[in-house]
Amino acid sequence: MEAEGRFPQAHYAFDKGVLTLELTRLIESRGKHWVSEVEISRHIQWQGHWRRVDEVSAELRQQHPESFRKIKVSCRNGEEKVFFAFTKVVRLKRYGRKRLVIVHEQPDQKCRAIYREALRSLLELCKRYFAEGKSCDEVLEVLMPA
């Protein structure tokens, strides 16, 4: 496509399955930009050490959740979705300095873990009441009095 010159102003976005050093160098040699996913196992230079992207992401979410900005995106169907994004220029092996964006759909995995544990406790309570022979209506009255 680049050799044919059909889209002289176009930049590139592609899947991680297409990401190769040769492709990105060709795009950059034409003065264009590209965006792609990277494997979560890819190593980036983080605070002077080579670390996996998924490790850095987990550490940021646990220790620095404030580093993720809330972003609202308008979808094609008119629906609005909320994402949380962290962005920083980092060094990728072989690719050099690139902007990394880590995106999550939930503000904090800790909230999900707390919710999951509360739900588990609630299910254990229901299990106990059913084992005692209580009906669904009786259990519902305990959980949510009328």
N, C-alpha and C. Protein backbone atom coordinates (compact mmCIF):
# COMPACT_ATOMS: atom_id res chain seq x y z
N MET A 1 0.83 -1.20 0.00
CA MET A 1 0.00 0.00 0.00
C MET A 1 0.86 1.25 0.00
N GLU A 2 1.91 1.24 0.81
CA GLU A 2 2.78 2.43 0.86
C GLU A 2 3.48 2.64 -0.47
N ALA A 3 3.94 1.56 -1.11
CA ALA A 3 4.64 1.68 -2.38
C ALA A 3 3.74 2.27 -3.47
N GLU A 4 2.45 1.96 -3.41
CA GLU A 4 1.50 2.48 -4.40
C GLU A 4 1.10 3.93 -4.13
N GLY A 5 1.31 4.40 -2.90
CA GLY A 5 1.02 5.80 -2.57
C GLY A 5 -0.45 6.17 -2.58
N ARG A 6 -1.32 5.20 -2.37
CA ARG A 6 -2.76 5.47 -2.43
C ARG A 6 -3.29 6.29 -1.25
N PHE A 7 -2.66 6.17 -0.10
CA PHE A 7 -3.13 6.86 1.09
C PHE A 7 -1.98 7.65 1.72
N PRO A 8 -1.59 8.73 1.09
CA PRO A 8 -0.40 9.46 1.55
C PRO A 8 -0.52 10.08 2.94
N GLN A 9 -1.72 10.36 3.40
CA GLN A 9 -1.90 10.99 4.71
C GLN A 9 -2.29 9.99 5.80
N ALA A 10 -2.50 8.73 5.44
CA ALA A 10 -3.03 7.74 6.39
C ALA A 10 -1.95 7.20 7.32
N HIS A 11 -2.34 7.00 8.56
CA HIS A 11 -1.49 6.33 9.54
C HIS A 11 -2.01 4.90 9.68
N TYR A 12 -1.38 4.10 10.53
CA TYR A 12 -1.72 2.69 10.59
C TYR A 12 -2.15 2.24 11.98
N ALA A 13 -3.14 1.34 12.01
CA ALA A 13 -3.56 0.66 13.23
C ALA A 13 -3.73 -0.81 12.85
N PHE A 14 -3.11 -1.69 13.62
CA PHE A 14 -3.20 -3.10 13.28
C PHE A 14 -3.11 -3.98 14.52
N ASP A 15 -3.49 -5.23 14.34
CA ASP A 15 -3.52 -6.23 15.39
C ASP A 15 -2.10 -6.67 15.74
N LYS A 16 -1.93 -7.16 16.96
CA LYS A 16 -0.60 -7.59 17.40
C LYS A 16 -0.04 -8.74 16.56
N GLY A 17 -0.91 -9.49 15.88
CA GLY A 17 -0.46 -10.57 15.02
C GLY A 17 0.30 -10.08 13.79
N VAL A 18 0.12 -8.82 13.44
CA VAL A 18 0.77 -8.23 12.27
C VAL A 18 2.03 -7.45 12.67
N LEU A 19 2.17 -7.16 13.94
CA LEU A 19 3.28 -6.33 14.43
C LEU A 19 4.63 -7.00 14.19
N THR A 20 5.41 -6.38 13.31
CA THR A 20 6.78 -6.84 13.08
C THR A 20 7.68 -5.62 13.03
N LEU A 21 8.94 -5.83 13.35
CA LEU A 21 9.91 -4.74 13.31
C LEU A 21 10.04 -4.19 11.90
N GLU A 22 10.05 -5.07 10.91
CA GLU A 22 10.18 -4.64 9.52
C GLU A 22 9.02 -3.72 9.12
N LEU A 23 7.79 -4.10 9.49
CA LEU A 23 6.62 -3.29 9.16
C LEU A 23 6.68 -1.92 9.82
N THR A 24 6.99 -1.88 11.11
CA THR A 24 7.01 -0.60 11.81
C THR A 24 8.12 0.31 11.29
N ARG A 25 9.24 -0.27 10.93
CA ARG A 25 10.33 0.56 10.36
C ARG A 25 9.94 1.15 9.02
N LEU A 26 9.24 0.37 8.19
CA LEU A 26 8.78 0.89 6.90
C LEU A 26 7.81 2.05 7.11
N ILE A 27 6.84 1.87 8.01
CA ILE A 27 5.86 2.92 8.28
C ILE A 27 6.55 4.18 8.79
N GLU A 28 7.46 4.02 9.74
CA GLU A 28 8.17 5.17 10.31
C GLU A 28 9.08 5.83 9.29
N SER A 29 9.63 5.07 8.36
CA SER A 29 10.51 5.66 7.34
C SER A 29 9.74 6.59 6.41
N ARG A 30 8.42 6.41 6.34
CA ARG A 30 7.55 7.27 5.53
C ARG A 30 7.01 8.45 6.34
N GLY A 31 7.49 8.59 7.60
CA GLY A 31 7.04 9.70 8.43
C GLY A 31 5.65 9.52 8.99
N LYS A 32 5.21 8.29 9.07
CA LYS A 32 3.85 8.02 9.54
C LYS A 32 3.89 7.37 10.93
N HIS A 33 2.72 7.35 11.55
CA HIS A 33 2.57 6.76 12.88
C HIS A 33 1.84 5.44 12.79
N TRP A 34 2.00 4.62 13.82
CA TRP A 34 1.29 3.35 13.89
C TRP A 34 0.85 3.07 15.33
N VAL A 35 -0.21 2.28 15.44
CA VAL A 35 -0.75 1.87 16.73
C VAL A 35 -1.01 0.38 16.64
N SER A 36 -0.61 -0.33 17.69
CA SER A 36 -0.86 -1.77 17.72
C SER A 36 -0.93 -2.25 19.15
N GLU A 37 -1.58 -3.38 19.35
CA GLU A 37 -1.52 -4.05 20.63
C GLU A 37 -0.13 -4.65 20.77
N VAL A 38 0.28 -4.91 22.00
CA VAL A 38 1.49 -5.69 22.23
C VAL A 38 1.12 -6.86 23.14
N GLU A 39 1.89 -7.92 23.04
CA GLU A 39 1.69 -9.07 23.91
C GLU A 39 1.93 -8.63 25.35
N ILE A 40 1.13 -9.14 26.29
CA ILE A 40 1.32 -8.76 27.69
C ILE A 40 2.63 -9.31 28.24
N SER A 41 3.20 -10.28 27.53
CA SER A 41 4.48 -10.84 27.97
C SER A 41 5.68 -10.06 27.43
N ARG A 42 5.41 -9.05 26.60
CA ARG A 42 6.50 -8.25 26.02
C ARG A 42 7.21 -7.48 27.13
N HIS A 43 8.52 -7.35 26.99
CA HIS A 43 9.32 -6.64 27.98
C HIS A 43 9.48 -5.18 27.61
N ILE A 44 9.33 -4.33 28.63
CA ILE A 44 9.57 -2.90 28.49
C ILE A 44 10.57 -2.50 29.55
N GLN A 45 11.26 -1.40 29.29
CA GLN A 45 12.17 -0.91 30.32
C GLN A 45 11.36 -0.06 31.30
N TRP A 46 11.35 -0.50 32.55
CA TRP A 46 10.56 0.16 33.58
C TRP A 46 11.44 0.40 34.79
N GLN A 47 11.66 1.67 35.11
CA GLN A 47 12.48 2.07 36.25
C GLN A 47 13.85 1.39 36.22
N GLY A 48 14.45 1.37 35.02
CA GLY A 48 15.80 0.85 34.87
C GLY A 48 15.92 -0.65 34.72
N HIS A 49 14.79 -1.37 34.69
CA HIS A 49 14.82 -2.82 34.57
C HIS A 49 13.90 -3.27 33.44
N TRP A 50 14.22 -4.39 32.80
CA TRP A 50 13.34 -4.96 31.80
C TRP A 50 12.27 -5.77 32.51
N ARG A 51 11.00 -5.37 32.32
CA ARG A 51 9.88 -6.02 33.01
C ARG A 51 8.77 -6.32 32.01
N ARG A 52 7.99 -7.34 32.31
CA ARG A 52 6.84 -7.70 31.47
C ARG A 52 5.74 -6.64 31.62
N VAL A 53 5.02 -6.39 30.53
CA VAL A 53 3.93 -5.41 30.54
C VAL A 53 2.87 -5.78 31.57
N ASP A 54 2.50 -7.07 31.66
CA ASP A 54 1.46 -7.46 32.61
C ASP A 54 1.88 -7.26 34.06
N GLU A 55 3.17 -7.42 34.36
CA GLU A 55 3.67 -7.18 35.72
C GLU A 55 3.58 -5.69 36.07
N VAL A 56 3.99 -4.85 35.13
CA VAL A 56 3.94 -3.40 35.35
C VAL A 56 2.49 -2.96 35.52
N SER A 57 1.60 -3.48 34.69
CA SER A 57 0.19 -3.14 34.78
C SER A 57 -0.39 -3.51 36.14
N ALA A 58 -0.12 -4.72 36.60
CA ALA A 58 -0.64 -5.17 37.90
C ALA A 58 -0.09 -4.31 39.04
N GLU A 59 1.19 -3.99 38.96
CA GLU A 59 1.82 -3.16 40.01
C GLU A 59 1.20 -1.77 40.05
N LEU A 60 0.99 -1.18 38.89
CA LEU A 60 0.37 0.15 38.84
C LEU A 60 -1.04 0.12 39.41
N ARG A 61 -1.82 -0.88 39.05
CA ARG A 61 -3.20 -0.97 39.53
C ARG A 61 -3.26 -1.15 41.03
N GLN A 62 -2.32 -1.90 41.59
CA GLN A 62 -2.33 -2.16 43.03
C GLN A 62 -1.76 -1.00 43.83
N GLN A 63 -0.63 -0.48 43.36
CA GLN A 63 0.09 0.52 44.16
C GLN A 63 -0.20 1.97 43.76
N HIS A 64 -0.63 2.19 42.52
CA HIS A 64 -0.86 3.56 42.05
C HIS A 64 -2.12 3.65 41.17
N PRO A 65 -3.28 3.27 41.72
CA PRO A 65 -4.50 3.32 40.89
C PRO A 65 -4.83 4.73 40.41
N GLU A 66 -4.33 5.74 41.11
CA GLU A 66 -4.58 7.13 40.71
C GLU A 66 -3.90 7.49 39.40
N SER A 67 -2.96 6.65 38.93
CA SER A 67 -2.25 6.94 37.69
C SER A 67 -3.08 6.61 36.44
N PHE A 68 -4.25 5.98 36.64
CA PHE A 68 -5.14 5.68 35.53
C PHE A 68 -6.19 6.78 35.41
N ARG A 69 -6.28 7.37 34.21
CA ARG A 69 -7.26 8.44 33.96
C ARG A 69 -8.55 7.84 33.41
N LYS A 70 -9.65 8.42 33.83
CA LYS A 70 -10.97 7.98 33.36
C LYS A 70 -11.20 8.59 31.97
N ILE A 71 -11.56 7.75 31.01
CA ILE A 71 -11.80 8.19 29.64
C ILE A 71 -13.16 7.68 29.18
N LYS A 72 -13.97 8.57 28.62
CA LYS A 72 -15.27 8.19 28.08
C LYS A 72 -15.15 8.09 26.56
N VAL A 73 -15.66 6.98 26.02
CA VAL A 73 -15.59 6.73 24.58
C VAL A 73 -17.00 6.54 24.04
N SER A 74 -17.31 7.23 22.96
CA SER A 74 -18.60 7.06 22.30
C SER A 74 -18.49 5.92 21.30
N CYS A 75 -19.34 4.91 21.47
CA CYS A 75 -19.35 3.74 20.58
C CYS A 75 -20.20 4.00 19.35
N ARG A 76 -20.07 3.14 18.36
CA ARG A 76 -20.84 3.29 17.12
C ARG A 76 -22.34 3.25 17.34
N ASN A 77 -22.78 2.47 18.32
CA ASN A 77 -24.22 2.34 18.58
C ASN A 77 -24.76 3.49 19.44
N GLY A 78 -23.94 4.49 19.70
CA GLY A 78 -24.36 5.64 20.49
C GLY A 78 -24.12 5.46 21.98
N GLU A 79 -23.80 4.25 22.38
CA GLU A 79 -23.53 3.97 23.79
C GLU A 79 -22.19 4.59 24.19
N GLU A 80 -22.10 4.99 25.44
CA GLU A 80 -20.86 5.56 25.95
C GLU A 80 -20.23 4.57 26.93
N LYS A 81 -18.95 4.26 26.72
CA LYS A 81 -18.25 3.32 27.60
C LYS A 81 -17.15 4.09 28.34
N VAL A 82 -16.87 3.63 29.54
CA VAL A 82 -15.84 4.25 30.36
C VAL A 82 -14.65 3.30 30.46
N PHE A 83 -13.46 3.83 30.24
CA PHE A 83 -12.22 3.07 30.38
C PHE A 83 -11.29 3.84 31.30
N PHE A 84 -10.30 3.15 31.82
CA PHE A 84 -9.28 3.76 32.65
C PHE A 84 -7.94 3.50 31.99
N ALA A 85 -7.19 4.56 31.69
CA ALA A 85 -5.98 4.42 30.90
C ALA A 85 -4.78 5.05 31.58
N PHE A 86 -3.65 4.37 31.46
CA PHE A 86 -2.35 4.86 31.91
C PHE A 86 -1.50 4.97 30.66
N THR A 87 -0.77 6.06 30.51
CA THR A 87 0.08 6.22 29.34
C THR A 87 1.45 6.77 29.73
N LYS A 88 2.47 6.24 29.07
CA LYS A 88 3.85 6.67 29.35
C LYS A 88 4.73 6.22 28.19
N VAL A 89 5.72 7.03 27.85
CA VAL A 89 6.71 6.63 26.85
C VAL A 89 7.70 5.70 27.54
N VAL A 90 7.86 4.52 26.96
CA VAL A 90 8.78 3.51 27.52
C VAL A 90 9.65 2.98 26.39
N ARG A 91 10.63 2.21 26.75
CA ARG A 91 11.49 1.59 25.75
C ARG A 91 11.08 0.13 25.59
N LEU A 92 10.78 -0.26 24.35
CA LEU A 92 10.49 -1.65 24.02
C LEU A 92 11.72 -2.26 23.36
N LYS A 93 12.02 -3.49 23.71
CA LYS A 93 13.15 -4.17 23.07
C LYS A 93 12.92 -4.18 21.57
N ARG A 94 13.95 -3.86 20.80
CA ARG A 94 13.97 -3.83 19.34
C ARG A 94 13.21 -2.66 18.72
N TYR A 95 12.18 -2.13 19.37
CA TYR A 95 11.35 -1.08 18.77
C TYR A 95 11.75 0.32 19.24
N GLY A 96 12.53 0.40 20.32
CA GLY A 96 12.93 1.70 20.83
C GLY A 96 11.86 2.35 21.69
N ARG A 97 11.92 3.68 21.77
CA ARG A 97 10.99 4.42 22.62
C ARG A 97 9.63 4.53 21.94
N LYS A 98 8.60 4.06 22.64
CA LYS A 98 7.23 4.10 22.12
C LYS A 98 6.29 4.46 23.26
N ARG A 99 5.14 5.02 22.92
CA ARG A 99 4.14 5.34 23.94
C ARG A 99 3.34 4.08 24.24
N LEU A 100 3.33 3.70 25.50
CA LEU A 100 2.57 2.54 25.98
C LEU A 100 1.28 3.05 26.62
N VAL A 101 0.17 2.41 26.29
CA VAL A 101 -1.10 2.74 26.90
C VAL A 101 -1.66 1.45 27.50
N ILE A 102 -1.92 1.46 28.80
CA ILE A 102 -2.52 0.32 29.49
C ILE A 102 -3.96 0.71 29.79
N VAL A 103 -4.90 -0.10 29.31
CA VAL A 103 -6.32 0.23 29.43
C VAL A 103 -7.05 -0.85 30.22
N HIS A 104 -7.91 -0.41 31.13
CA HIS A 104 -8.77 -1.30 31.91
C HIS A 104 -10.19 -0.80 31.84
N GLU A 105 -11.14 -1.71 31.91
CA GLU A 105 -12.55 -1.31 31.89
C GLU A 105 -13.08 -1.10 33.30
N GLN A 106 -12.42 -1.61 34.31
CA GLN A 106 -12.86 -1.45 35.69
C GLN A 106 -11.89 -0.51 36.41
N PRO A 107 -12.40 0.36 37.28
CA PRO A 107 -11.51 1.32 37.95
C PRO A 107 -10.51 0.64 38.89
N ASP A 108 -10.86 -0.48 39.50
CA ASP A 108 -9.97 -1.09 40.47
C ASP A 108 -10.33 -2.58 40.64
N GLN A 109 -9.41 -3.45 40.36
CA GLN A 109 -9.65 -4.90 40.54
C GLN A 109 -9.92 -5.22 41.98
N LYS A 110 -9.39 -4.36 43.02
CA LYS A 110 -9.64 -4.59 44.45
C LYS A 110 -11.13 -4.52 44.73
N CYS A 111 -11.86 -3.58 44.07
CA CYS A 111 -13.31 -3.46 44.26
C CYS A 111 -13.99 -4.75 43.81
N ARG A 112 -13.55 -5.30 42.71
CA ARG A 112 -14.13 -6.55 42.23
C ARG A 112 -13.87 -7.67 43.22
N ALA A 113 -12.69 -7.74 43.77
CA ALA A 113 -12.35 -8.79 44.74
C ALA A 113 -13.20 -8.65 46.01
N ILE A 114 -13.40 -7.43 46.46
CA ILE A 114 -14.24 -7.19 47.65
C ILE A 114 -15.68 -7.58 47.35
N TYR A 115 -16.18 -7.19 46.19
CA TYR A 115 -17.53 -7.54 45.79
C TYR A 115 -17.69 -9.05 45.70
N ARG A 116 -16.70 -9.72 45.11
CA ARG A 116 -16.75 -11.18 44.97
C ARG A 116 -16.79 -11.86 46.33
N GLU A 117 -16.00 -11.39 47.28
CA GLU A 117 -15.98 -11.98 48.62
C GLU A 117 -17.31 -11.75 49.34
N ALA A 118 -17.88 -10.57 49.18
CA ALA A 118 -19.18 -10.29 49.79
C ALA A 118 -20.27 -11.19 49.19
N LEU A 119 -20.22 -11.37 47.88
CA LEU A 119 -21.18 -12.24 47.22
C LEU A 119 -21.02 -13.69 47.68
N ARG A 120 -19.78 -14.12 47.85
CA ARG A 120 -19.52 -15.48 48.34
C ARG A 120 -20.12 -15.68 49.73
N SER A 121 -19.93 -14.70 50.60
CA SER A 121 -20.49 -14.78 51.96
C SER A 121 -22.02 -14.85 51.92
N LEU A 122 -22.61 -14.07 51.04
CA LEU A 122 -24.06 -14.08 50.88
C LEU A 122 -24.55 -15.45 50.41
N LEU A 123 -23.83 -16.04 49.46
CA LEU A 123 -24.20 -17.37 48.97
C LEU A 123 -24.06 -18.44 50.06
N GLU A 124 -23.02 -18.32 50.87
CA GLU A 124 -22.84 -19.26 51.99
C GLU A 124 -24.01 -19.16 52.98
N LEU A 125 -24.45 -17.93 53.24
CA LEU A 125 -25.58 -17.71 54.14
C LEU A 125 -26.84 -18.37 53.56
N CYS A 126 -27.09 -18.16 52.27
CA CYS A 126 -28.25 -18.76 51.62
C CYS A 126 -28.16 -20.28 51.67
N LYS A 127 -26.99 -20.81 51.41
CA LYS A 127 -26.78 -22.26 51.45
C LYS A 127 -27.16 -22.82 52.83
N ARG A 128 -26.71 -22.12 53.88
CA ARG A 128 -27.01 -22.56 55.24
C ARG A 128 -28.52 -22.56 55.51
N TYR A 129 -29.20 -21.48 55.10
CA TYR A 129 -30.64 -21.38 55.32
C TYR A 129 -31.40 -22.47 54.54
N PHE A 130 -30.98 -22.72 53.31
CA PHE A 130 -31.65 -23.77 52.53
C PHE A 130 -31.41 -25.15 53.16
N ALA A 131 -30.20 -25.36 53.69
CA ALA A 131 -29.89 -26.63 54.37
C ALA A 131 -30.77 -26.81 55.60
N GLU A 132 -31.17 -25.69 56.22
CA GLU A 132 -32.06 -25.74 57.39
C GLU A 132 -33.52 -25.93 56.97
N GLY A 133 -33.78 -25.98 55.67
CA GLY A 133 -35.13 -26.21 55.18
C GLY A 133 -35.95 -24.97 54.93
N LYS A 134 -35.32 -23.79 54.97
CA LYS A 134 -36.07 -22.55 54.72
C LYS A 134 -36.44 -22.45 53.23
N SER A 135 -37.56 -21.82 52.95
CA SER A 135 -38.01 -21.63 51.57
C SER A 135 -37.31 -20.40 50.96
N CYS A 136 -37.47 -20.26 49.64
CA CYS A 136 -36.90 -19.08 48.96
C CYS A 136 -37.49 -17.79 49.54
N ASP A 137 -38.78 -17.78 49.81
CA ASP A 137 -39.42 -16.58 50.37
C ASP A 137 -38.87 -16.25 51.75
N GLU A 138 -38.62 -17.27 52.57
CA GLU A 138 -38.07 -17.04 53.92
C GLU A 138 -36.65 -16.47 53.83
N VAL A 139 -35.86 -17.03 52.93
CA VAL A 139 -34.47 -16.53 52.74
C VAL A 139 -34.50 -15.12 52.21
N LEU A 140 -35.36 -14.85 51.27
CA LEU A 140 -35.49 -13.50 50.71
C LEU A 140 -35.89 -12.51 51.79
N GLU A 141 -36.76 -12.89 52.70
CA GLU A 141 -37.18 -12.01 53.79
C GLU A 141 -36.01 -11.66 54.71
N VAL A 142 -35.10 -12.64 54.92
CA VAL A 142 -33.91 -12.38 55.74
C VAL A 142 -32.97 -11.42 55.03
N LEU A 143 -32.77 -11.65 53.73
CA LEU A 143 -31.84 -10.83 52.94
C LEU A 143 -32.38 -9.44 52.64
N MET A 144 -33.68 -9.36 52.37
CA MET A 144 -34.29 -8.10 51.98
C MET A 144 -35.69 -8.02 52.57
N PRO A 145 -35.77 -7.58 53.83
CA PRO A 145 -37.10 -7.51 54.48
C PRO A 145 -38.04 -6.60 53.71
N ALA A 146 -39.33 -6.99 53.68
CA ALA A 146 -40.35 -6.23 52.95
C ALA A 146 -40.61 -4.89 53.61
